[in-house]
Amino acid sequence: MTAEEIVEFATRFDPQQMHVDPASPQAAAMGGLIASGWHTAALMMRMLADHYVSKAAGLAGSTSCAGCARCGPGDTLRVRVTVLETQRSRSKPDRGVVRSLVEVLNQDADVVMSMKPINLVRARGE
């Protein structure tokens, strides 16, 4: 993956500073420009589709998220986030960990995708 590909993907889908601006403080804190996890997941899916999923026998699949359902043309999606836990890092007290439940709901309020991500965040002073 190239820096241009990282920035292009992130600009469209995950425009956090560490993904789009190598000179940003966020990128510097991570050691430089880094690819979005979603970009990495998309590349993984491409490689699986090209080299693993049977073109003759494959019918459907699932992601590593807790649950996914079909979405299609005409669906209207929204996101609901519930914070499950917060914890300050013991080794780096200027940072903390937030565990959440992220749910994507369709126009009928059906959960079509859910996952429990863990995010590293800056912590406020003690």
C-alpha atoms as a PDB file:
ATOM      1  CA  MET A   1       0.000   0.000   0.000  1.00  0.00           C
ATOM      2  CA  THR A   2       1.263   3.455  -0.816  1.00  0.00           C
ATOM      3  CA  ALA A   3       0.979   6.722   1.072  1.00  0.00           C
ATOM      4  CA  GLU A   4      -1.249   8.015  -1.718  1.00  0.00           C
ATOM      5  CA  GLU A   5      -3.603   5.028  -1.379  1.00  0.00           C
ATOM      6  CA  ILE A   6      -3.739   5.478   2.406  1.00  0.00           C
ATOM      7  CA  VAL A   7      -4.627   9.161   2.090  1.00  0.00           C
ATOM      8  CA  GLU A   8      -7.123   8.564  -0.741  1.00  0.00           C
ATOM      9  CA  PHE A   9      -9.025   5.866   1.175  1.00  0.00           C
ATOM     10  CA  ALA A  10      -8.986   7.805   4.441  1.00  0.00           C
ATOM     11  CA  THR A  11     -10.087  11.039   2.788  1.00  0.00           C
ATOM     12  CA  ARG A  12     -13.205   9.248   1.550  1.00  0.00           C
ATOM     13  CA  PHE A  13     -13.990   6.922   4.446  1.00  0.00           C
ATOM     14  CA  ASP A  14     -11.959   7.577   7.637  1.00  0.00           C
ATOM     15  CA  PRO A  15     -10.647  11.147   7.619  1.00  0.00           C
ATOM     16  CA  GLN A  16      -8.773  11.047  10.913  1.00  0.00           C
ATOM     17  CA  GLN A  17      -5.561  13.080  10.935  1.00  0.00           C
ATOM     18  CA  MET A  18      -3.191  10.120  11.393  1.00  0.00           C
ATOM     19  CA  HIS A  19      -4.571   8.700   8.122  1.00  0.00           C
ATOM     20  CA  VAL A  20      -4.664  11.851   5.959  1.00  0.00           C
ATOM     21  CA  ASP A  21      -1.881  14.173   7.187  1.00  0.00           C
ATOM     22  CA  PRO A  22       1.599  12.753   7.812  1.00  0.00           C
ATOM     23  CA  ALA A  23       2.637  16.066   9.425  1.00  0.00           C
ATOM     24  CA  SER A  24      -0.177  16.050  11.988  1.00  0.00           C
ATOM     25  CA  PRO A  25       0.487  15.563  15.710  1.00  0.00           C
ATOM     26  CA  GLN A  26      -1.752  12.485  15.607  1.00  0.00           C
ATOM     27  CA  ALA A  27       0.401  10.865  12.902  1.00  0.00           C
ATOM     28  CA  ALA A  28       3.569  11.834  14.777  1.00  0.00           C
ATOM     29  CA  ALA A  29       2.211  10.157  17.923  1.00  0.00           C
ATOM     30  CA  MET A  30       1.736   6.959  15.876  1.00  0.00           C
ATOM     31  CA  GLY A  31       5.202   7.146  14.298  1.00  0.00           C
ATOM     32  CA  GLY A  32       3.979   8.600  11.002  1.00  0.00           C
ATOM     33  CA  LEU A  33       1.123   8.198   8.544  1.00  0.00           C
ATOM     34  CA  ILE A  34      -0.839   5.009   9.204  1.00  0.00           C
ATOM     35  CA  ALA A  35      -3.550   3.261   7.229  1.00  0.00           C
ATOM     36  CA  SER A  36      -7.093   3.131   8.514  1.00  0.00           C
ATOM     37  CA  GLY A  37      -8.050  -0.213   9.987  1.00  0.00           C
ATOM     38  CA  TRP A  38     -10.987  -0.140   7.564  1.00  0.00           C
ATOM     39  CA  HIS A  39      -8.539   0.174   4.675  1.00  0.00           C
ATOM     40  CA  THR A  40      -6.627  -2.835   5.954  1.00  0.00           C
ATOM     41  CA  ALA A  41      -9.892  -4.771   6.367  1.00  0.00           C
ATOM     42  CA  ALA A  42     -10.964  -3.883   2.818  1.00  0.00           C
ATOM     43  CA  LEU A  43      -7.631  -5.092   1.433  1.00  0.00           C
ATOM     44  CA  MET A  44      -7.958  -8.308   3.437  1.00  0.00           C
ATOM     45  CA  MET A  45     -11.429  -8.873   2.001  1.00  0.00           C
ATOM     46  CA  ARG A  46     -10.102  -8.328  -1.509  1.00  0.00           C
ATOM     47  CA  MET A  47      -7.355 -10.888  -0.970  1.00  0.00           C
ATOM     48  CA  LEU A  48      -9.828 -13.375   0.522  1.00  0.00           C
ATOM     49  CA  ALA A  49     -12.211 -12.900  -2.409  1.00  0.00           C
ATOM     50  CA  ASP A  50      -9.386 -13.310  -4.924  1.00  0.00           C
ATOM     51  CA  HIS A  51      -7.561 -16.208  -3.313  1.00  0.00           C
ATOM     52  CA  TYR A  52      -9.720 -17.976  -0.736  1.00  0.00           C
ATOM     53  CA  VAL A  53     -13.472 -17.749  -1.284  1.00  0.00           C
ATOM     54  CA  SER A  54     -14.593 -20.393  -3.748  1.00  0.00           C
ATOM     55  CA  LYS A  55     -15.998 -18.871  -6.913  1.00  0.00           C
ATOM     56  CA  ALA A  56     -17.874 -22.117  -7.523  1.00  0.00           C
ATOM     57  CA  ALA A  57     -19.249 -22.833  -4.041  1.00  0.00           C
ATOM     58  CA  GLY A  58     -19.232 -19.527  -2.152  1.00  0.00           C
ATOM     59  CA  LEU A  59     -22.702 -18.162  -1.429  1.00  0.00           C
ATOM     60  CA  ALA A  60     -22.363 -15.561   1.312  1.00  0.00           C
ATOM     61  CA  GLY A  61     -20.029 -14.513   4.048  1.00  0.00           C
ATOM     62  CA  SER A  62     -19.747 -12.541   7.216  1.00  0.00           C
ATOM     63  CA  THR A  63     -17.231 -10.097   8.588  1.00  0.00           C
ATOM     64  CA  SER A  64     -15.513 -10.318  11.927  1.00  0.00           C
ATOM     65  CA  CYS A  65     -18.063  -7.946  13.389  1.00  0.00           C
ATOM     66  CA  ALA A  66     -20.564  -9.323  15.869  1.00  0.00           C
ATOM     67  CA  GLY A  67     -23.354  -9.366  13.318  1.00  0.00           C
ATOM     68  CA  CYS A  68     -24.079  -8.277   9.791  1.00  0.00           C
ATOM     69  CA  ALA A  69     -27.181  -8.330   7.634  1.00  0.00           C
ATOM     70  CA  ARG A  70     -27.933  -7.419   4.046  1.00  0.00           C
ATOM     71  CA  CYS A  71     -28.120  -3.760   3.089  1.00  0.00           C
ATOM     72  CA  GLY A  72     -29.138  -2.665  -0.363  1.00  0.00           C
ATOM     73  CA  PRO A  73     -30.302   0.150  -2.598  1.00  0.00           C
ATOM     74  CA  GLY A  74     -32.896   2.355  -0.933  1.00  0.00           C
ATOM     75  CA  ASP A  75     -31.880   1.497   2.625  1.00  0.00           C
ATOM     76  CA  THR A  76     -31.315   4.421   4.968  1.00  0.00           C
ATOM     77  CA  LEU A  77     -28.681   3.709   7.596  1.00  0.00           C
ATOM     78  CA  ARG A  78     -27.842   5.379  10.894  1.00  0.00           C
ATOM     79  CA  VAL A  79     -25.357   4.592  13.642  1.00  0.00           C
ATOM     80  CA  ARG A  80     -25.964   4.220  17.376  1.00  0.00           C
ATOM     81  CA  VAL A  81     -22.985   4.154  19.750  1.00  0.00           C
ATOM     82  CA  THR A  82     -23.144   3.050  23.373  1.00  0.00           C
ATOM     83  CA  VAL A  83     -20.056   3.527  25.543  1.00  0.00           C
ATOM     84  CA  LEU A  84     -19.565   0.313  27.508  1.00  0.00           C
ATOM     85  CA  GLU A  85     -16.382   1.055  29.443  1.00  0.00           C
ATOM     86  CA  THR A  86     -13.674   3.667  29.847  1.00  0.00           C
ATOM     87  CA  GLN A  87     -10.293   3.095  31.428  1.00  0.00           C
ATOM     88  CA  ARG A  88      -7.211   5.271  31.816  1.00  0.00           C
ATOM     89  CA  SER A  89      -3.967   3.647  30.717  1.00  0.00           C
ATOM     90  CA  ARG A  90      -1.759   2.728  33.678  1.00  0.00           C
ATOM     91  CA  SER A  91       1.447   2.918  31.656  1.00  0.00           C
ATOM     92  CA  LYS A  92       0.534   6.109  29.732  1.00  0.00           C
ATOM     93  CA  PRO A  93      -1.820   8.222  31.881  1.00  0.00           C
ATOM     94  CA  ASP A  94      -2.303  10.789  29.098  1.00  0.00           C
ATOM     95  CA  ARG A  95      -4.261   8.113  27.203  1.00  0.00           C
ATOM     96  CA  GLY A  96      -7.302   6.030  27.811  1.00  0.00           C
ATOM     97  CA  VAL A  97      -9.269   3.159  26.312  1.00  0.00           C
ATOM     98  CA  VAL A  98     -12.944   3.387  25.384  1.00  0.00           C
ATOM     99  CA  ARG A  99     -14.907   0.198  24.652  1.00  0.00           C
ATOM    100  CA  SER A 100     -18.161   0.769  22.784  1.00  0.00           C
ATOM    101  CA  LEU A 101     -21.022  -1.033  21.145  1.00  0.00           C
ATOM    102  CA  VAL A 102     -21.537   0.340  17.624  1.00  0.00           C
ATOM    103  CA  GLU A 103     -24.748  -0.606  15.849  1.00  0.00           C
ATOM    104  CA  VAL A 104     -25.843   0.237  12.318  1.00  0.00           C
ATOM    105  CA  LEU A 105     -29.631   0.411  12.019  1.00  0.00           C
ATOM    106  CA  ASN A 106     -31.755   0.525   8.887  1.00  0.00           C
ATOM    107  CA  GLN A 107     -34.917   2.527   8.236  1.00  0.00           C
ATOM    108  CA  ASP A 108     -36.957  -0.100  10.149  1.00  0.00           C
ATOM    109  CA  ALA A 109     -34.673   0.215  13.205  1.00  0.00           C
ATOM    110  CA  ASP A 110     -33.317  -3.292  12.543  1.00  0.00           C
ATOM    111  CA  VAL A 111     -29.683  -3.747  13.562  1.00  0.00           C
ATOM    112  CA  VAL A 112     -27.907  -4.662  10.321  1.00  0.00           C
ATOM    113  CA  MET A 113     -24.374  -4.600  11.706  1.00  0.00           C
ATOM    114  CA  SER A 114     -22.794  -4.414  15.131  1.00  0.00           C
ATOM    115  CA  MET A 115     -19.327  -4.503  16.573  1.00  0.00           C
ATOM    116  CA  LYS A 116     -17.483  -3.742  19.781  1.00  0.00           C
ATOM    117  CA  PRO A 117     -14.479  -1.586  18.906  1.00  0.00           C
ATOM    118  CA  ILE A 118     -11.768  -0.462  21.283  1.00  0.00           C
ATOM    119  CA  ASN A 119     -10.490   3.089  20.800  1.00  0.00           C
ATOM    120  CA  LEU A 120      -7.351   4.695  22.185  1.00  0.00           C
ATOM    121  CA  VAL A 121      -8.051   8.336  23.115  1.00  0.00           C
ATOM    122  CA  ARG A 122      -6.322  11.257  24.763  1.00  0.00           C
ATOM    123  CA  ALA A 123      -7.290  11.525  28.423  1.00  0.00           C
ATOM    124  CA  ARG A 124      -8.039  14.714  30.290  1.00  0.00           C
ATOM    125  CA  GLY A 125      -5.806  15.758  33.160  1.00  0.00           C
ATOM    126  CA  GLU A 126      -6.321  13.879  36.394  1.00  0.00           C
END
